[in-house]
PDB file of N, CA and C in Angstrom:
ATOM      1  N   MET A   1       8.426   9.166  -4.329  1.00  0.00           N
ATOM      2  CA  MET A   1       7.828  10.291  -4.980  1.00  0.00           C
ATOM      3  C   MET A   1       7.029  11.071  -3.935  1.00  0.00           C
ATOM      4  N   ALA A   2       7.286  12.349  -3.853  1.00  0.00           N
ATOM      5  CA  ALA A   2       6.600  13.196  -2.887  1.00  0.00           C
ATOM      6  C   ALA A   2       5.212  13.560  -3.414  1.00  0.00           C
ATOM      7  N   PRO A   3       4.211  13.550  -2.517  1.00  0.00           N
ATOM      8  CA  PRO A   3       2.872  13.932  -2.968  1.00  0.00           C
ATOM      9  C   PRO A   3       2.824  15.422  -3.289  1.00  0.00           C
ATOM     10  N   LYS A   4       2.004  15.780  -4.220  1.00  0.00           N
ATOM     11  CA  LYS A   4       1.850  17.177  -4.607  1.00  0.00           C
ATOM     12  C   LYS A   4       1.153  17.934  -3.480  1.00  0.00           C
ATOM     13  N   ALA A   5       1.533  19.193  -3.291  1.00  0.00           N
ATOM     14  CA  ALA A   5       0.954  20.022  -2.230  1.00  0.00           C
ATOM     15  C   ALA A   5      -0.551  20.168  -2.422  1.00  0.00           C
ATOM     16  N   ARG A   6      -0.990  20.252  -3.659  1.00  0.00           N
ATOM     17  CA  ARG A   6      -2.419  20.393  -3.923  1.00  0.00           C
ATOM     18  C   ARG A   6      -3.190  19.148  -3.485  1.00  0.00           C
ATOM     19  N   HIS A   7      -2.608  17.977  -3.762  1.00  0.00           N
ATOM     20  CA  HIS A   7      -3.241  16.713  -3.365  1.00  0.00           C
ATOM     21  C   HIS A   7      -3.318  16.602  -1.844  1.00  0.00           C
ATOM     22  N   VAL A   8      -2.231  16.928  -1.156  1.00  0.00           N
ATOM     23  CA  VAL A   8      -2.206  16.872   0.304  1.00  0.00           C
ATOM     24  C   VAL A   8      -3.218  17.851   0.876  1.00  0.00           C
ATOM     25  N   GLY A   9      -3.282  19.048   0.310  1.00  0.00           N
ATOM     26  CA  GLY A   9      -4.263  20.040   0.766  1.00  0.00           C
ATOM     27  C   GLY A   9      -5.689  19.550   0.601  1.00  0.00           C
ATOM     28  N   ARG A  10      -5.959  18.874  -0.526  1.00  0.00           N
ATOM     29  CA  ARG A  10      -7.304  18.341  -0.766  1.00  0.00           C
ATOM     30  C   ARG A  10      -7.665  17.281   0.270  1.00  0.00           C
ATOM     31  N   LEU A  11      -6.701  16.411   0.601  1.00  0.00           N
ATOM     32  CA  LEU A  11      -6.966  15.377   1.612  1.00  0.00           C
ATOM     33  C   LEU A  11      -7.337  15.991   2.953  1.00  0.00           C
ATOM     34  N   PHE A  12      -6.557  16.984   3.377  1.00  0.00           N
ATOM     35  CA  PHE A  12      -6.823  17.602   4.679  1.00  0.00           C
ATOM     36  C   PHE A  12      -8.090  18.456   4.663  1.00  0.00           C
ATOM     37  N   TRP A  13      -8.399  19.097   3.544  1.00  0.00           N
ATOM     38  CA  TRP A  13      -9.629  19.863   3.452  1.00  0.00           C
ATOM     39  C   TRP A  13     -10.849  18.951   3.582  1.00  0.00           C
ATOM     40  N   ARG A  14     -10.810  17.809   2.928  1.00  0.00           N
ATOM     41  CA  ARG A  14     -11.912  16.853   3.053  1.00  0.00           C
ATOM     42  C   ARG A  14     -12.043  16.357   4.486  1.00  0.00           C
ATOM     43  N   ALA A  15     -10.908  16.073   5.135  1.00  0.00           N
ATOM     44  CA  ALA A  15     -10.945  15.583   6.518  1.00  0.00           C
ATOM     45  C   ALA A  15     -11.516  16.640   7.452  1.00  0.00           C
ATOM     46  N   LEU A  16     -11.153  17.903   7.257  1.00  0.00           N
ATOM     47  CA  LEU A  16     -11.685  18.970   8.102  1.00  0.00           C
ATOM     48  C   LEU A  16     -13.183  19.175   7.905  1.00  0.00           C
ATOM     49  N   ARG A  17     -13.687  18.821   6.738  1.00  0.00           N
ATOM     50  CA  ARG A  17     -15.125  18.897   6.468  1.00  0.00           C
ATOM     51  C   ARG A  17     -15.855  17.638   6.929  1.00  0.00           C
ATOM     52  N   LEU A  18     -15.118  16.723   7.604  1.00  0.00           N
ATOM     53  CA  LEU A  18     -15.664  15.449   8.114  1.00  0.00           C
ATOM     54  C   LEU A  18     -16.180  14.569   6.980  1.00  0.00           C
ATOM     55  N   ARG A  19     -15.481  14.609   5.863  1.00  0.00           N
ATOM     56  CA  ARG A  19     -15.765  13.756   4.714  1.00  0.00           C
ATOM     57  C   ARG A  19     -14.662  12.722   4.600  1.00  0.00           C
ATOM     58  N   CYS A  20     -14.845  11.742   3.738  1.00  0.00           N
ATOM     59  CA  CYS A  20     -13.810  10.754   3.484  1.00  0.00           C
ATOM     60  C   CYS A  20     -12.627  11.452   2.820  1.00  0.00           C
ATOM     61  N   PRO A  21     -11.437  11.403   3.419  1.00  0.00           N
ATOM     62  CA  PRO A  21     -10.295  12.073   2.804  1.00  0.00           C
ATOM     63  C   PRO A  21      -9.922  11.500   1.437  1.00  0.00           C
ATOM     64  N   ASN A  22     -10.215  10.239   1.217  1.00  0.00           N
ATOM     65  CA  ASN A  22      -9.832   9.598  -0.039  1.00  0.00           C
ATOM     66  C   ASN A  22     -10.720  10.028  -1.200  1.00  0.00           C
ATOM     67  N   CYS A  23     -12.029   9.917  -1.032  1.00  0.00           N
ATOM     68  CA  CYS A  23     -12.929  10.172  -2.156  1.00  0.00           C
ATOM     69  C   CYS A  23     -13.786  11.420  -1.995  1.00  0.00           C
ATOM     70  N   GLY A  24     -13.860  11.985  -0.780  1.00  0.00           N
ATOM     71  CA  GLY A  24     -14.688  13.156  -0.547  1.00  0.00           C
ATOM     72  C   GLY A  24     -16.133  12.826  -0.243  1.00  0.00           C
ATOM     73  N   GLY A  25     -16.487  11.543  -0.250  1.00  0.00           N
ATOM     74  CA  GLY A  25     -17.852  11.139   0.070  1.00  0.00           C
ATOM     75  C   GLY A  25     -18.126  11.298   1.548  1.00  0.00           C
ATOM     76  N   GLY A  26     -19.363  11.275   1.893  1.00  0.00           N
ATOM     77  CA  GLY A  26     -19.633  11.404   3.316  1.00  0.00           C
ATOM     78  C   GLY A  26     -21.083  11.701   3.556  1.00  0.00           C
ATOM     79  N   PRO A  27     -21.408  12.051   4.720  1.00  0.00           N
ATOM     80  CA  PRO A  27     -20.547  12.162   5.894  1.00  0.00           C
ATOM     81  C   PRO A  27     -20.144  10.791   6.424  1.00  0.00           C
ATOM     82  N   ILE A  28     -19.011  10.727   7.092  1.00  0.00           N
ATOM     83  CA  ILE A  28     -18.521   9.442   7.578  1.00  0.00           C
ATOM     84  C   ILE A  28     -18.750   9.264   9.077  1.00  0.00           C
ATOM     85  N   ARG A  29     -19.380  10.248   9.713  1.00  0.00           N
ATOM     86  CA  ARG A  29     -19.670  10.157  11.142  1.00  0.00           C
ATOM     87  C   ARG A  29     -21.179  10.148  11.339  1.00  0.00           C
ATOM     88  N   SER A  30     -21.669   9.318  12.281  1.00  0.00           N
ATOM     89  CA  SER A  30     -23.092   9.322  12.587  1.00  0.00           C
ATOM     90  C   SER A  30     -23.396  10.247  13.756  1.00  0.00           C
ATOM     91  N   SER A  31     -22.397  10.532  14.593  1.00  0.00           N
ATOM     92  CA  SER A  31     -22.523  11.508  15.672  1.00  0.00           C
ATOM     93  C   SER A  31     -21.125  12.050  15.968  1.00  0.00           C
ATOM     94  N   TRP A  32     -21.035  12.936  16.954  1.00  0.00           N
ATOM     95  CA  TRP A  32     -19.748  13.547  17.261  1.00  0.00           C
ATOM     96  C   TRP A  32     -18.693  12.525  17.663  1.00  0.00           C
ATOM     97  N   LEU A  33     -19.095  11.452  18.354  1.00  0.00           N
ATOM     98  CA  LEU A  33     -18.162  10.459  18.868  1.00  0.00           C
ATOM     99  C   LEU A  33     -18.219   9.116  18.148  1.00  0.00           C
ATOM    100  N   ARG A  34     -19.044   8.965  17.150  1.00  0.00           N
ATOM    101  CA  ARG A  34     -19.230   7.655  16.517  1.00  0.00           C
ATOM    102  C   ARG A  34     -19.080   7.748  14.999  1.00  0.00           C
ATOM    103  N   MET A  35     -18.265   6.815  14.475  1.00  0.00           N
ATOM    104  CA  MET A  35     -18.103   6.710  13.025  1.00  0.00           C
ATOM    105  C   MET A  35     -19.221   5.837  12.465  1.00  0.00           C
ATOM    106  N   ARG A  36     -19.581   6.068  11.218  1.00  0.00           N
ATOM    107  CA  ARG A  36     -20.526   5.174  10.552  1.00  0.00           C
ATOM    108  C   ARG A  36     -19.837   3.837  10.322  1.00  0.00           C
ATOM    109  N   PRO A  37     -20.593   2.751  10.210  1.00  0.00           N
ATOM    110  CA  PRO A  37     -19.956   1.456   9.948  1.00  0.00           C
ATOM    111  C   PRO A  37     -19.182   1.500   8.634  1.00  0.00           C
ATOM    112  N   PRO A  38     -18.049   0.824   8.593  1.00  0.00           N
ATOM    113  CA  PRO A  38     -17.258   0.843   7.356  1.00  0.00           C
ATOM    114  C   PRO A  38     -17.982   0.136   6.221  1.00  0.00           C
ATOM    115  N   TRP A  39     -17.712   0.597   5.018  1.00  0.00           N
ATOM    116  CA  TRP A  39     -18.318  -0.023   3.866  1.00  0.00           C
ATOM    117  C   TRP A  39     -17.255  -0.189   2.814  1.00  0.00           C
ATOM    118  N   PRO A  40     -17.019  -1.325   2.291  1.00  0.00           N
ATOM    119  CA  PRO A  40     -17.511  -2.630   2.705  1.00  0.00           C
ATOM    120  C   PRO A  40     -16.728  -3.152   3.907  1.00  0.00           C
ATOM    121  N   THR A  41     -17.309  -4.093   4.609  1.00  0.00           N
ATOM    122  CA  THR A  41     -16.654  -4.673   5.773  1.00  0.00           C
ATOM    123  C   THR A  41     -15.530  -5.597   5.310  1.00  0.00           C
ATOM    124  N   PRO A  42     -14.308  -5.380   5.803  1.00  0.00           N
ATOM    125  CA  PRO A  42     -13.198  -6.244   5.388  1.00  0.00           C
ATOM    126  C   PRO A  42     -13.389  -7.679   5.884  1.00  0.00           C
ATOM    127  N   PRO A  43     -12.944  -8.653   5.117  1.00  0.00           N
ATOM    128  CA  PRO A  43     -13.064 -10.059   5.532  1.00  0.00           C
ATOM    129  C   PRO A  43     -11.953 -10.405   6.532  1.00  0.00           C
ATOM    130  N   TRP A  44     -12.110 -10.001   7.795  1.00  0.00           N
ATOM    131  CA  TRP A  44     -11.045 -10.147   8.788  1.00  0.00           C
ATOM    132  C   TRP A  44     -10.634 -11.586   8.999  1.00  0.00           C
ATOM    133  N   ALA A  45     -11.571 -12.526   9.026  1.00  0.00           N
ATOM    134  CA  ALA A  45     -11.228 -13.931   9.278  1.00  0.00           C
ATOM    135  C   ALA A  45     -10.310 -14.467   8.182  1.00  0.00           C
ATOM    136  N   ILE A  46     -10.622 -14.162   6.939  1.00  0.00           N
ATOM    137  CA  ILE A  46      -9.787 -14.629   5.833  1.00  0.00           C
ATOM    138  C   ILE A  46      -8.401 -14.005   5.919  1.00  0.00           C
ATOM    139  N   LEU A  47      -8.347 -12.720   6.244  1.00  0.00           N
ATOM    140  CA  LEU A  47      -7.053 -12.046   6.365  1.00  0.00           C
ATOM    141  C   LEU A  47      -6.219 -12.623   7.505  1.00  0.00           C
ATOM    142  N   GLN A  48      -6.857 -12.940   8.631  1.00  0.00           N
ATOM    143  CA  GLN A  48      -6.120 -13.509   9.766  1.00  0.00           C
ATOM    144  C   GLN A  48      -5.575 -14.891   9.435  1.00  0.00           C
ATOM    145  N   TYR A  49      -6.420 -15.773   8.910  1.00  0.00           N
ATOM    146  CA  TYR A  49      -5.976 -17.128   8.603  1.00  0.00           C
ATOM    147  C   TYR A  49      -4.973 -17.136   7.454  1.00  0.00           C
ATOM    148  N   GLY A  50      -5.180 -16.260   6.481  1.00  0.00           N
ATOM    149  CA  GLY A  50      -4.222 -16.150   5.390  1.00  0.00           C
ATOM    150  C   GLY A  50      -2.868 -15.655   5.881  1.00  0.00           C
ATOM    151  N   GLY A  51      -2.879 -14.708   6.828  1.00  0.00           N
ATOM    152  CA  GLY A  51      -1.631 -14.211   7.398  1.00  0.00           C
ATOM    153  C   GLY A  51      -0.887 -15.277   8.166  1.00  0.00           C
ATOM    154  N   ILE A  52      -1.618 -16.077   8.933  1.00  0.00           N
ATOM    155  CA  ILE A  52      -0.983 -17.159   9.694  1.00  0.00           C
ATOM    156  C   ILE A  52      -0.385 -18.194   8.742  1.00  0.00           C
ATOM    157  N   ALA A  53      -1.137 -18.556   7.708  1.00  0.00           N
ATOM    158  CA  ALA A  53      -0.627 -19.527   6.741  1.00  0.00           C
ATOM    159  C   ALA A  53       0.623 -18.991   6.036  1.00  0.00           C
ATOM    160  N   LEU A  54       0.606 -17.712   5.711  1.00  0.00           N
ATOM    161  CA  LEU A  54       1.760 -17.115   5.054  1.00  0.00           C
ATOM    162  C   LEU A  54       2.973 -17.080   5.980  1.00  0.00           C
ATOM    163  N   MET A  55       2.754 -16.849   7.280  1.00  0.00           N
ATOM    164  CA  MET A  55       3.864 -16.838   8.240  1.00  0.00           C
ATOM    165  C   MET A  55       4.496 -18.218   8.372  1.00  0.00           C
ATOM    166  N   VAL A  56       3.725 -19.279   8.159  1.00  0.00           N
ATOM    167  CA  VAL A  56       4.260 -20.631   8.261  1.00  0.00           C
ATOM    168  C   VAL A  56       4.949 -21.047   6.962  1.00  0.00           C
ATOM    169  N   VAL A  57       4.364 -20.716   5.838  1.00  0.00           N
ATOM    170  CA  VAL A  57       4.851 -21.196   4.547  1.00  0.00           C
ATOM    171  C   VAL A  57       5.993 -20.344   3.987  1.00  0.00           C
ATOM    172  N   ALA A  58       5.938 -19.034   4.153  1.00  0.00           N
ATOM    173  CA  ALA A  58       6.918 -18.132   3.521  1.00  0.00           C
ATOM    174  C   ALA A  58       8.362 -18.432   3.897  1.00  0.00           C
ATOM    175  N   PRO A  59       8.697 -18.712   5.172  1.00  0.00           N
ATOM    176  CA  PRO A  59      10.097 -18.995   5.468  1.00  0.00           C
ATOM    177  C   PRO A  59      10.643 -20.212   4.711  1.00  0.00           C
ATOM    178  N   PHE A  60       9.827 -21.224   4.515  1.00  0.00           N
ATOM    179  CA  PHE A  60      10.282 -22.410   3.778  1.00  0.00           C
ATOM    180  C   PHE A  60      10.441 -22.121   2.291  1.00  0.00           C
ATOM    181  N   LEU A  61       9.561 -21.282   1.749  1.00  0.00           N
ATOM    182  CA  LEU A  61       9.649 -20.960   0.324  1.00  0.00           C
ATOM    183  C   LEU A  61      10.837 -20.059   0.017  1.00  0.00           C
ATOM    184  N   PHE A  62      11.151 -19.128   0.903  1.00  0.00           N
ATOM    185  CA  PHE A  62      12.191 -18.142   0.621  1.00  0.00           C
ATOM    186  C   PHE A  62      13.539 -18.469   1.240  1.00  0.00           C
ATOM    187  N   PHE A  63      13.657 -19.576   1.962  1.00  0.00           N
ATOM    188  CA  PHE A  63      14.923 -19.903   2.605  1.00  0.00           C
ATOM    189  C   PHE A  63      16.082 -19.985   1.625  1.00  0.00           C
ATOM    190  N   PRO A  64      15.945 -20.673   0.480  1.00  0.00           N
ATOM    191  CA  PRO A  64      17.084 -20.754  -0.441  1.00  0.00           C
ATOM    192  C   PRO A  64      17.505 -19.399  -1.005  1.00  0.00           C
ATOM    193  N   PHE A  65      16.587 -18.456  -1.070  1.00  0.00           N
ATOM    194  CA  PHE A  65      16.876 -17.158  -1.665  1.00  0.00           C
ATOM    195  C   PHE A  65      17.308 -16.108  -0.641  1.00  0.00           C
ATOM    196  N   SER A  66      17.212 -16.414   0.635  1.00  0.00           N
ATOM    197  CA  SER A  66      17.415 -15.391   1.656  1.00  0.00           C
ATOM    198  C   SER A  66      18.816 -14.796   1.634  1.00  0.00           C
ATOM    199  N   LYS A  67      19.845 -15.591   1.484  1.00  0.00           N
ATOM    200  CA  LYS A  67      21.214 -15.081   1.501  1.00  0.00           C
ATOM    201  C   LYS A  67      21.482 -14.192   0.286  1.00  0.00           C
ATOM    202  N   THR A  68      21.088 -14.644  -0.904  1.00  0.00           N
ATOM    203  CA  THR A  68      21.361 -13.847  -2.098  1.00  0.00           C
ATOM    204  C   THR A  68      20.510 -12.580  -2.143  1.00  0.00           C
ATOM    205  N   LEU A  69      19.268 -12.651  -1.656  1.00  0.00           N
ATOM    206  CA  LEU A  69      18.443 -11.449  -1.599  1.00  0.00           C
ATOM    207  C   LEU A  69      19.028 -10.438  -0.613  1.00  0.00           C
ATOM    208  N   PHE A  70      19.518 -10.920   0.528  1.00  0.00           N
ATOM    209  CA  PHE A  70      20.133 -10.014   1.498  1.00  0.00           C
ATOM    210  C   PHE A  70      21.385  -9.371   0.903  1.00  0.00           C
ATOM    211  N   LEU A  71      22.199 -10.146   0.184  1.00  0.00           N
ATOM    212  CA  LEU A  71      23.401  -9.587  -0.433  1.00  0.00           C
ATOM    213  C   LEU A  71      23.040  -8.543  -1.496  1.00  0.00           C
ATOM    214  N   ALA A  72      22.025  -8.799  -2.280  1.00  0.00           N
ATOM    215  CA  ALA A  72      21.593  -7.823  -3.283  1.00  0.00           C
ATOM    216  C   ALA A  72      21.108  -6.539  -2.614  1.00  0.00           C
ATOM    217  N   PHE A  73      20.338  -6.666  -1.536  1.00  0.00           N
ATOM    218  CA  PHE A  73      19.862  -5.505  -0.789  1.00  0.00           C
ATOM    219  C   PHE A  73      21.033  -4.724  -0.209  1.00  0.00           C
ATOM    220  N   ASP A  74      22.027  -5.430   0.320  1.00  0.00           N
ATOM    221  CA  ASP A  74      23.208  -4.788   0.888  1.00  0.00           C
ATOM    222  C   ASP A  74      24.000  -4.053  -0.190  1.00  0.00           C
ATOM    223  N   LEU A  75      24.118  -4.639  -1.378  1.00  0.00           N
ATOM    224  CA  LEU A  75      24.871  -4.007  -2.458  1.00  0.00           C
ATOM    225  C   LEU A  75      24.187  -2.749  -2.991  1.00  0.00           C
ATOM    226  N   VAL A  76      22.885  -2.666  -2.844  1.00  0.00           N
ATOM    227  CA  VAL A  76      22.176  -1.456  -3.267  1.00  0.00           C
ATOM    228  C   VAL A  76      22.635  -0.267  -2.430  1.00  0.00           C
ATOM    229  N   PHE A  77      22.783  -0.473  -1.122  1.00  0.00           N
ATOM    230  CA  PHE A  77      23.131   0.626  -0.228  1.00  0.00           C
ATOM    231  C   PHE A  77      24.628   0.749   0.039  1.00  0.00           C
ATOM    232  N   ARG A  78      25.371  -0.314  -0.183  1.00  0.00           N
ATOM    233  CA  ARG A  78      26.819  -0.288   0.060  1.00  0.00           C
ATOM    234  C   ARG A  78      27.491  -1.032  -1.086  1.00  0.00           C
ATOM    235  N   PRO A  79      27.718  -0.337  -2.212  1.00  0.00           N
ATOM    236  CA  PRO A  79      28.329  -1.000  -3.381  1.00  0.00           C
ATOM    237  C   PRO A  79      29.701  -1.575  -3.046  1.00  0.00           C
ATOM    238  N   ALA A  80      30.041  -2.656  -3.712  1.00  0.00           N
ATOM    239  CA  ALA A  80      31.322  -3.325  -3.468  1.00  0.00           C
ATOM    240  C   ALA A  80      32.472  -2.469  -3.977  1.00  0.00           C
ATOM    241  N   LYS A  81      33.556  -2.442  -3.206  1.00  0.00           N
ATOM    242  CA  LYS A  81      34.766  -1.741  -3.599  1.00  0.00           C
ATOM    243  C   LYS A  81      35.660  -2.709  -4.385  1.00  0.00           C
ATOM    244  N   PRO A  82      36.546  -2.187  -5.205  1.00  0.00           N
ATOM    245  CA  PRO A  82      37.374  -3.080  -6.016  1.00  0.00           C
ATOM    246  C   PRO A  82      38.182  -4.082  -5.194  1.00  0.00           C
ATOM    247  N   ASP A  83      38.666  -3.698  -4.013  1.00  0.00           N
ATOM    248  CA  ASP A  83      39.455  -4.633  -3.204  1.00  0.00           C
ATOM    249  C   ASP A  83      38.603  -5.729  -2.560  1.00  0.00           C
ATOM    250  N   GLU A  84      37.284  -5.541  -2.514  1.00  0.00           N
ATOM    251  CA  GLU A  84      36.388  -6.554  -1.953  1.00  0.00           C
ATOM    252  C   GLU A  84      35.988  -7.604  -2.986  1.00  0.00           C
ATOM    253  N   LEU A  85      36.271  -7.365  -4.242  1.00  0.00           N
ATOM    254  CA  LEU A  85      35.850  -8.266  -5.314  1.00  0.00           C
ATOM    255  C   LEU A  85      36.807  -9.428  -5.528  1.00  0.00           C
ATOM    256  N   THR A  86      37.937  -9.436  -4.885  1.00  0.00           N
ATOM    257  CA  THR A  86      38.890 -10.527  -5.093  1.00  0.00           C
ATOM    258  C   THR A  86      38.726 -11.607  -4.068  1.00  0.00           C
TER     259      THR A  86
END
């Protein structure tokens, strides 16, 4: 779905005013070269360890489904022809 031109214009207008493009709050800069600290601070340690755990566990969980999921994805973009069904 393409974003509406009015919405895109609002985002860029807020950014040009040095406000938060998402909500319009601000100011988000404390000086010309420095941003204010982010609020709230993301839990980076949890995200890093969770990402590592997911990288180890996900291949084992999805291995049985990988072939059929790939075939379904392939069929979305390249539907089977009648001669391929036999």
